[in-house]
């Protein structure tokens, strides 16, 4: 991935670019600006976009108040990491898909997201439209190379490096370049491929990022854990031969039920805590953040990881201050820090004064 366009926006603030790393900050006052320092440090150490947003998130912890800044950078695996803090705004479009608007929503901590696709347009600004000092529309006649300048924002276009294709090459039927953003609690998947129907007549998501697992089909065609004795959807017995083993994208394994009644589909990995956006797996898009409100402060910023391994659900305490307590049919125990533990449906985990339950 490479930056093919970097257009500055007029406004009150400071914009900066170091190769494939960019940022905009309100930069109020004579003191050194945290984001500008982070940008320079990341560039000097040959860091990528993921390194930039991790450094910026750490800088945010040491800042007084909520300084407005936004930054973005190309990651080593060909994506683009984006962060907003304070009253900054980022708007991201993957290909010709819909725009995704990132704000902190009043949070005291930054919001990080990672996007992938063949072409991405990222707009960063430190002022809302209509506010005093708001940025103006981009003027393509202007261009920002490396350096620091006055400005209220940036519009950056990032394009994938496409390999040379022979002139007579014929593309494979059905092939397409699809931009993808992992679905999160507040950002839906973008430009994912539509469900397709295979020769066996069963439609399922053909997303190339889906996790494939071996499973067994019941008589009604429902996909199940091969260790199951009955279909989890219709109850048909699965222990009668012949067993129809298939490899397919893993379906949701159930739901996570918070103690306030909120439910979350168990179709991927989660990081739970007061500020799960700081976790490296969340920043890289491998896990989704599940923020736990806790006025008493008994929940750590990064408290618990819930992962899917094949058809199993695994939990790990992330070295939290008050620990995580597993309540299951085998009794109650405290989870050892950073040690994966497999759980079964019905298990409940206490995290500080809050709890969450795994339901199949």
Protein backbone atom coordinates (compact mmCIF):
# COMPACT_ATOMS: atom_id res chain seq x y z
CA UNK A 1 0.00 0.00 0.00
CA UNK A 2 1.21 3.51 -0.77
CA UNK A 3 -0.07 7.06 -0.38
CA UNK A 4 -1.04 8.31 -3.83
CA UNK A 5 -2.63 11.60 -2.75
CA UNK A 6 -2.35 13.81 0.33
CA UNK A 7 -4.43 16.99 0.10
CA UNK A 8 -4.31 19.49 2.99
CA UNK A 9 -7.44 21.18 4.31
CA UNK A 10 -7.51 24.80 5.40
CA UNK A 11 -8.32 25.26 9.07
CA UNK A 12 -6.97 25.96 12.54
CA UNK A 13 -4.51 23.28 13.44
CA UNK A 14 -1.28 21.62 12.38
CA UNK A 15 -0.93 18.85 9.81
CA UNK A 16 2.03 16.52 9.39
CA UNK A 17 3.19 13.79 7.07
CA UNK A 18 6.12 11.40 7.27
CA UNK A 19 5.87 9.08 4.29
CA UNK A 20 2.89 6.80 4.86
CA UNK A 21 2.17 8.25 8.33
CA UNK A 22 -0.08 11.32 8.61
CA UNK A 23 -1.80 13.30 11.32
CA UNK A 24 -3.63 16.48 12.25
CA UNK A 25 -3.76 18.11 15.66
CA UNK A 26 -5.34 21.18 17.20
CA UNK A 27 -1.87 22.01 18.64
CA UNK A 28 -3.05 24.66 21.06
CA UNK A 29 -0.45 26.42 23.22
CA UNK A 30 3.36 26.71 23.15
CA UNK A 31 4.06 23.26 24.60
CA UNK A 32 5.29 20.42 22.32
CA UNK A 33 2.34 18.66 20.76
CA UNK A 34 2.04 14.97 21.75
CA UNK A 35 0.82 13.77 18.36
CA UNK A 36 3.53 15.60 16.40
CA UNK A 37 6.14 14.08 18.72
CA UNK A 38 4.64 10.62 18.26
CA UNK A 39 4.57 10.98 14.47
CA UNK A 40 8.24 11.98 14.36
CA UNK A 41 9.24 9.12 16.71
CA UNK A 42 7.30 6.50 14.74
CA UNK A 43 8.82 7.68 11.47
CA UNK A 44 12.34 7.78 12.93
CA UNK A 45 12.02 4.18 14.11
CA UNK A 46 10.58 3.01 10.74
CA UNK A 47 7.26 2.23 12.43
CA UNK A 48 4.06 1.53 10.51
CA UNK A 49 0.47 2.66 11.05
CA UNK A 50 -0.13 0.11 13.82
CA UNK A 51 2.94 1.36 15.67
CA UNK A 52 1.74 4.95 15.22
CA UNK A 53 -1.70 4.42 16.79
CA UNK A 54 -0.22 2.42 19.69
CA UNK A 55 2.24 5.24 20.42
CA UNK A 56 -0.54 7.83 20.09
CA UNK A 57 -2.80 5.85 22.44
CA UNK A 58 -0.03 5.79 25.05
CA UNK A 59 0.54 9.52 24.59
CA UNK A 60 -3.18 10.13 25.16
CA UNK A 61 -2.91 8.53 28.61
CA UNK A 62 -0.35 11.12 29.65
CA UNK A 63 -2.23 14.14 28.30
CA UNK A 64 -4.27 16.48 30.42
CA UNK A 65 -7.75 17.03 29.04
CA UNK A 66 -8.79 15.72 25.64
CA UNK A 67 -6.61 17.28 22.93
CA UNK A 68 -8.13 16.92 19.46
CA UNK A 69 -6.05 14.90 17.04
CA UNK A 70 -6.42 12.28 14.32
CA UNK A 71 -3.76 10.13 12.69
CA UNK A 72 -3.48 7.32 10.18
CA UNK A 73 -0.82 5.14 8.63
CA UNK A 74 -0.25 2.21 6.32
CA UNK A 75 0.37 -1.03 8.22
CA UNK A 76 2.90 -3.72 7.35
CA UNK A 77 0.15 -6.16 6.37
CA UNK A 78 -1.33 -3.78 3.79
CA UNK A 79 -4.08 -2.09 5.79
CA UNK A 80 -4.57 1.40 7.17
CA UNK A 81 -4.78 2.08 10.92
CA UNK A 82 -6.76 5.15 11.98
CA UNK A 83 -7.11 6.89 15.34
CA UNK A 84 -9.22 9.82 16.56
CA UNK A 85 -8.94 11.58 19.92
CA UNK A 86 -10.87 14.41 21.54
CA UNK A 87 -13.16 16.22 19.10
CA UNK A 88 -11.32 15.06 15.98
CA UNK A 89 -13.18 13.27 13.19
CA UNK A 90 -12.06 10.67 10.65
CA UNK A 91 -14.07 9.61 7.61
CA UNK A 92 -12.99 6.46 5.78
CA UNK A 93 -14.24 5.07 2.48
CA UNK A 94 -13.11 1.67 1.17
CA UNK A 95 -13.33 1.63 -2.63
CA UNK A 96 -16.78 2.79 -3.71
CA UNK A 97 -18.37 1.62 -0.45
CA UNK A 98 -20.16 3.72 2.16
CA UNK A 99 -18.33 6.18 4.37
CA UNK A 100 -17.51 5.19 7.93
CA UNK A 101 -17.26 8.12 10.34
CA UNK A 102 -15.10 7.73 13.43
CA UNK A 103 -15.43 9.92 16.52
CA UNK A 104 -14.74 9.27 20.18
CA UNK A 105 -18.41 9.79 21.03
CA UNK A 106 -17.40 11.69 24.15
CA UNK A 107 -14.97 9.02 25.36
CA UNK A 108 -11.90 10.17 27.27
CA UNK A 109 -9.73 7.76 25.29
CA UNK A 110 -8.89 7.41 21.59
CA UNK A 111 -10.84 5.27 19.13
CA UNK A 112 -8.76 3.06 16.83
CA UNK A 113 -9.84 1.16 13.72
CA UNK A 114 -8.07 -0.70 10.94
CA UNK A 115 -9.28 -0.86 7.32
CA UNK A 116 -8.21 -2.89 4.29
CA UNK A 117 -8.96 -2.63 0.58
CA UNK A 118 -7.39 -1.88 -2.78
CA UNK A 119 -8.19 1.85 -2.50
CA UNK A 120 -8.97 3.78 0.67
CA UNK A 121 -9.78 7.46 1.15
CA UNK A 122 -9.18 8.77 4.66
CA UNK A 123 -10.20 12.30 5.72
CA UNK A 124 -8.86 13.57 9.05
CA UNK A 125 -10.02 16.82 10.68
CA UNK A 126 -9.87 18.47 14.10
CA UNK A 127 -13.09 20.53 13.74
CA UNK A 128 -16.69 19.65 13.00
CA UNK A 129 -18.34 21.28 10.00
CA UNK A 130 -19.99 24.51 11.13
CA UNK A 131 -17.70 25.09 14.10
CA UNK A 132 -15.43 28.09 14.38
CA UNK A 133 -12.26 27.25 12.51
CA UNK A 134 -13.85 24.31 10.70
CA UNK A 135 -11.98 22.86 7.76
CA UNK A 136 -12.91 23.70 4.20
CA UNK A 137 -13.45 21.33 1.28
CA UNK A 138 -10.28 19.74 -0.21
CA UNK A 139 -8.65 21.50 -3.15
CA UNK A 140 -6.79 18.94 -5.31
CA UNK A 141 -4.47 21.65 -6.59
CA UNK A 142 -2.62 21.46 -3.28
CA UNK A 143 -0.40 18.65 -2.05
CA UNK A 144 1.42 17.86 1.18
CA UNK A 145 4.75 16.11 0.90
CA UNK A 146 6.76 15.21 4.00
CA UNK A 147 6.78 17.86 6.71
CA UNK A 148 4.65 19.90 9.09
CA UNK A 149 2.37 22.80 8.13
CA UNK A 150 -0.65 24.78 9.23
CA UNK A 151 -3.98 23.17 8.37
CA UNK A 152 -7.20 21.82 9.76
CA UNK A 153 -7.08 18.39 8.20
CA UNK A 154 -5.95 16.03 5.45
CA UNK A 155 -7.58 13.90 2.78
CA UNK A 156 -5.34 10.94 2.00
CA UNK A 157 -5.77 8.32 -0.71
CA UNK A 158 -4.01 5.00 -0.20
CA UNK A 159 -3.75 2.52 -3.06
CA UNK A 160 -2.60 -1.09 -3.12
CA UNK A 161 0.51 -1.92 -5.14
CA UNK A 162 -0.94 -3.99 -7.97
CA UNK A 163 1.28 -6.63 -9.61
CA UNK A 164 1.99 -6.41 -13.32
CA UNK A 165 -0.62 -8.38 -15.27
CA UNK A 166 0.21 -9.83 -18.73
CA UNK A 167 -1.69 -8.09 -21.50
CA UNK A 168 -3.55 -11.24 -22.54
CA UNK A 169 -4.28 -12.44 -19.02
CA UNK A 170 -7.91 -13.36 -18.41
CA UNK A 171 -9.24 -12.83 -14.88
CA UNK A 172 -10.73 -15.80 -13.07
CA UNK A 173 -14.47 -15.96 -13.19
CA UNK A 174 -16.03 -14.42 -10.12
CA UNK A 175 -12.76 -12.88 -8.93
CA UNK A 176 -13.00 -9.43 -7.39
CA UNK A 177 -10.96 -7.08 -5.25
CA UNK A 178 -12.96 -6.66 -2.08
CA UNK A 179 -12.24 -4.13 0.65
CA UNK A 180 -12.81 -5.45 4.15
CA UNK A 181 -13.17 -4.05 7.63
CA UNK A 182 -13.72 -6.44 10.53
CA UNK A 183 -17.18 -5.96 12.02
CA UNK A 184 -16.99 -4.29 15.41
CA UNK A 185 -19.54 -3.15 17.93
CA UNK A 186 -19.76 0.27 16.31
CA UNK A 187 -18.45 -0.27 12.77
CA UNK A 188 -20.08 -2.80 10.41
CA UNK A 189 -18.24 -4.87 7.84
CA UNK A 190 -17.60 -3.03 4.57
CA UNK A 191 -17.78 -4.47 1.08
CA UNK A 192 -17.80 -8.09 2.19
CA UNK A 193 -18.75 -10.62 -0.45
CA UNK A 194 -22.34 -11.70 -0.65
CA UNK A 195 -23.40 -15.15 0.42
CA UNK A 196 -23.06 -17.78 -2.26
CA UNK A 197 -24.68 -21.14 -2.87
CA UNK A 198 -22.48 -24.19 -3.26
CA UNK A 199 -23.17 -27.37 -5.15
CA UNK A 200 -24.78 -28.91 -2.07
CA UNK A 201 -27.45 -26.21 -2.20
CA UNK A 202 -26.55 -24.59 1.13
CA UNK A 203 -25.82 -20.86 1.11
CA UNK A 204 -23.15 -19.42 3.37
CA UNK A 205 -20.83 -16.42 3.56
CA UNK A 206 -17.86 -16.86 1.20
CA UNK A 207 -15.82 -14.23 3.00
CA UNK A 208 -12.13 -15.06 2.42
CA UNK A 209 -11.38 -13.95 6.00
CA UNK A 210 -13.81 -16.46 7.52
CA UNK A 211 -12.38 -19.15 9.81
CA UNK A 212 -12.92 -22.59 8.26
CA UNK A 213 -13.66 -25.52 10.54
CA UNK A 214 -14.60 -29.18 10.06
CA UNK A 215 -18.17 -29.93 11.03
CA UNK A 216 -21.04 -32.29 10.52
CA UNK A 217 -24.33 -31.62 8.73
CA UNK A 218 -27.57 -32.79 10.25
CA UNK A 219 -30.36 -34.18 8.06
CA UNK A 220 -31.73 -30.64 7.67
CA UNK A 221 -28.35 -29.32 6.49
CA UNK A 222 -27.38 -27.37 9.63
CA UNK A 223 -23.63 -27.11 10.32
CA UNK A 224 -22.52 -28.42 13.73
CA UNK A 225 -19.54 -29.27 15.90
CA UNK A 226 -18.53 -32.85 14.94
CA UNK A 227 -18.40 -33.68 18.67
CA UNK A 228 -22.07 -32.73 19.14
CA UNK A 229 -24.65 -35.47 19.60
CA UNK A 230 -27.61 -33.38 18.42
CA UNK A 231 -28.05 -30.41 16.08
CA UNK A 232 -27.83 -27.16 17.98
CA UNK A 233 -30.54 -25.63 15.78
CA UNK A 234 -33.16 -28.31 15.20
CA UNK A 235 -32.26 -31.03 17.71
CA UNK A 236 -31.89 -33.84 15.15
CA UNK A 237 -29.52 -36.57 16.37
CA UNK A 238 -26.04 -36.56 14.86
CA UNK A 239 -24.75 -39.91 16.08
CA UNK A 240 -26.35 -41.98 13.32
CA UNK A 241 -24.02 -43.00 10.44
CA UNK A 242 -23.11 -41.93 7.89
CA UNK A 243 -21.79 -38.63 9.31
CA UNK A 244 -21.61 -35.94 6.64
CA UNK A 245 -18.32 -34.12 7.43
CA UNK A 246 -17.74 -30.78 5.69
CA UNK A 247 -15.28 -27.87 6.02
CA UNK A 248 -17.07 -24.52 6.15
CA UNK A 249 -16.94 -21.06 7.73
CA UNK A 250 -17.53 -21.34 11.45
CA UNK A 251 -21.00 -20.19 12.55
CA UNK A 252 -21.52 -18.12 15.71
CA UNK A 253 -20.92 -20.31 18.76
CA UNK A 254 -23.55 -18.58 20.88
CA UNK A 255 -23.88 -15.25 22.66
CA UNK A 256 -22.19 -13.34 25.45
CA UNK A 257 -24.71 -12.08 28.01
CA UNK A 258 -23.65 -9.13 30.18
CA UNK A 259 -25.13 -8.74 33.66
CA UNK A 260 -27.17 -5.77 32.41
CA UNK A 261 -28.92 -7.98 29.82
CA UNK A 262 -26.92 -6.81 26.79
CA UNK A 263 -26.13 -9.60 24.31
CA UNK A 264 -23.24 -9.86 21.86
CA UNK A 265 -22.89 -12.55 19.15
CA UNK A 266 -20.02 -14.94 19.80
CA UNK A 267 -18.73 -14.96 16.23
CA UNK A 268 -15.19 -13.73 16.86
CA UNK A 269 -12.66 -12.74 19.51
CA UNK A 270 -13.35 -10.02 22.09
CA UNK A 271 -11.30 -7.98 24.53
CA UNK A 272 -13.21 -6.81 27.62
CA UNK A 273 -12.28 -3.94 29.90
CA UNK A 274 -12.80 -0.28 30.62
CA UNK A 275 -10.65 0.74 27.64
CA UNK A 276 -10.26 -2.33 25.36
CA UNK A 277 -9.36 -0.14 22.37
CA UNK A 278 -5.77 -0.04 23.67
CA UNK A 279 -5.26 -3.78 23.10
CA UNK A 280 -2.92 -4.56 20.19
CA UNK A 281 -5.27 -7.23 18.79
CA UNK A 282 -8.11 -4.68 18.71
CA UNK A 283 -5.91 -2.14 16.97
CA UNK A 284 -4.86 -4.76 14.40
CA UNK A 285 -8.48 -5.82 13.82
CA UNK A 286 -8.06 -9.36 15.18
CA UNK A 287 -10.40 -8.75 18.12
CA UNK A 288 -13.38 -6.54 18.88
CA UNK A 289 -13.54 -4.19 21.86
CA UNK A 290 -16.25 -4.77 24.45
CA UNK A 291 -16.19 -1.82 26.80
CA UNK A 292 -17.40 -2.54 30.34
CA UNK A 293 -18.71 0.44 32.31
CA UNK A 294 -17.60 0.29 35.92
CA UNK A 295 -17.94 3.45 38.03
CA UNK A 296 -16.24 1.69 40.96
CA UNK A 297 -13.05 1.02 39.00
CA UNK A 298 -12.97 -2.73 39.73
CA UNK A 299 -12.63 -3.58 36.02
CA UNK A 300 -9.17 -3.03 34.52
CA UNK A 301 -8.60 -1.15 31.27
CA UNK A 302 -7.68 -4.49 29.65
CA UNK A 303 -9.31 -7.20 31.75
CA UNK A 304 -10.35 -10.34 29.84
CA UNK A 305 -9.85 -11.88 26.41
CA UNK A 306 -12.46 -14.22 24.90
CA UNK A 307 -11.16 -16.22 21.92
CA UNK A 308 -12.57 -18.85 19.59
CA UNK A 309 -10.39 -21.89 18.87
CA UNK A 310 -12.11 -24.18 16.41
CA UNK A 311 -15.48 -24.95 18.03
CA UNK A 312 -14.24 -24.06 21.53
CA UNK A 313 -14.47 -20.85 23.57
CA UNK A 314 -11.33 -19.87 25.47
CA UNK A 315 -10.92 -17.11 28.07
CA UNK A 316 -7.76 -15.48 29.41
CA UNK A 317 -7.34 -12.94 32.19
CA UNK A 318 -5.11 -10.12 30.92
CA UNK A 319 -3.29 -9.53 34.18
CA UNK A 320 -6.16 -7.52 35.63
CA UNK A 321 -5.81 -5.89 39.06
CA UNK A 322 -8.81 -7.67 40.60
CA UNK A 323 -8.68 -10.91 38.62
CA UNK A 324 -11.37 -12.90 36.80
CA UNK A 325 -13.47 -15.57 38.53
CA UNK A 326 -14.87 -18.48 36.49
CA UNK A 327 -18.13 -20.03 37.70
CA UNK A 328 -18.96 -23.31 35.95
CA UNK A 329 -20.45 -26.73 36.62
CA UNK A 330 -17.07 -27.73 38.12
CA UNK A 331 -17.29 -24.98 40.73
CA UNK A 332 -15.61 -21.59 41.11
CA UNK A 333 -11.99 -20.70 40.44
CA UNK A 334 -9.82 -17.68 39.74
CA UNK A 335 -8.36 -17.60 36.23
CA UNK A 336 -4.53 -17.59 36.19
CA UNK A 337 -3.26 -14.43 34.45
CA UNK A 338 -2.50 -14.86 30.74
CA UNK A 339 -3.33 -18.59 30.83
CA UNK A 340 -6.02 -19.73 28.31
CA UNK A 341 -8.90 -21.67 29.87
CA UNK A 342 -11.61 -23.45 27.86
CA UNK A 343 -15.19 -22.84 29.00
CA UNK A 344 -18.50 -24.56 28.29
CA UNK A 345 -21.95 -23.07 27.66
CA UNK A 346 -23.48 -21.72 30.85
CA UNK A 347 -20.16 -20.60 32.32
CA UNK A 348 -20.15 -17.19 34.00
CA UNK A 349 -17.06 -15.01 34.51
CA UNK A 350 -16.85 -12.33 37.16
CA UNK A 351 -14.70 -9.34 36.22
CA UNK A 352 -14.50 -6.97 39.14
CA UNK A 353 -18.06 -6.11 40.17
CA UNK A 354 -19.39 -7.04 36.71
CA UNK A 355 -20.01 -10.42 35.07
CA UNK A 356 -20.57 -11.99 31.68
CA UNK A 357 -22.04 -15.39 30.75
CA UNK A 358 -21.47 -17.67 27.75
CA UNK A 359 -24.72 -19.05 26.33
CA UNK A 360 -24.86 -21.52 23.42
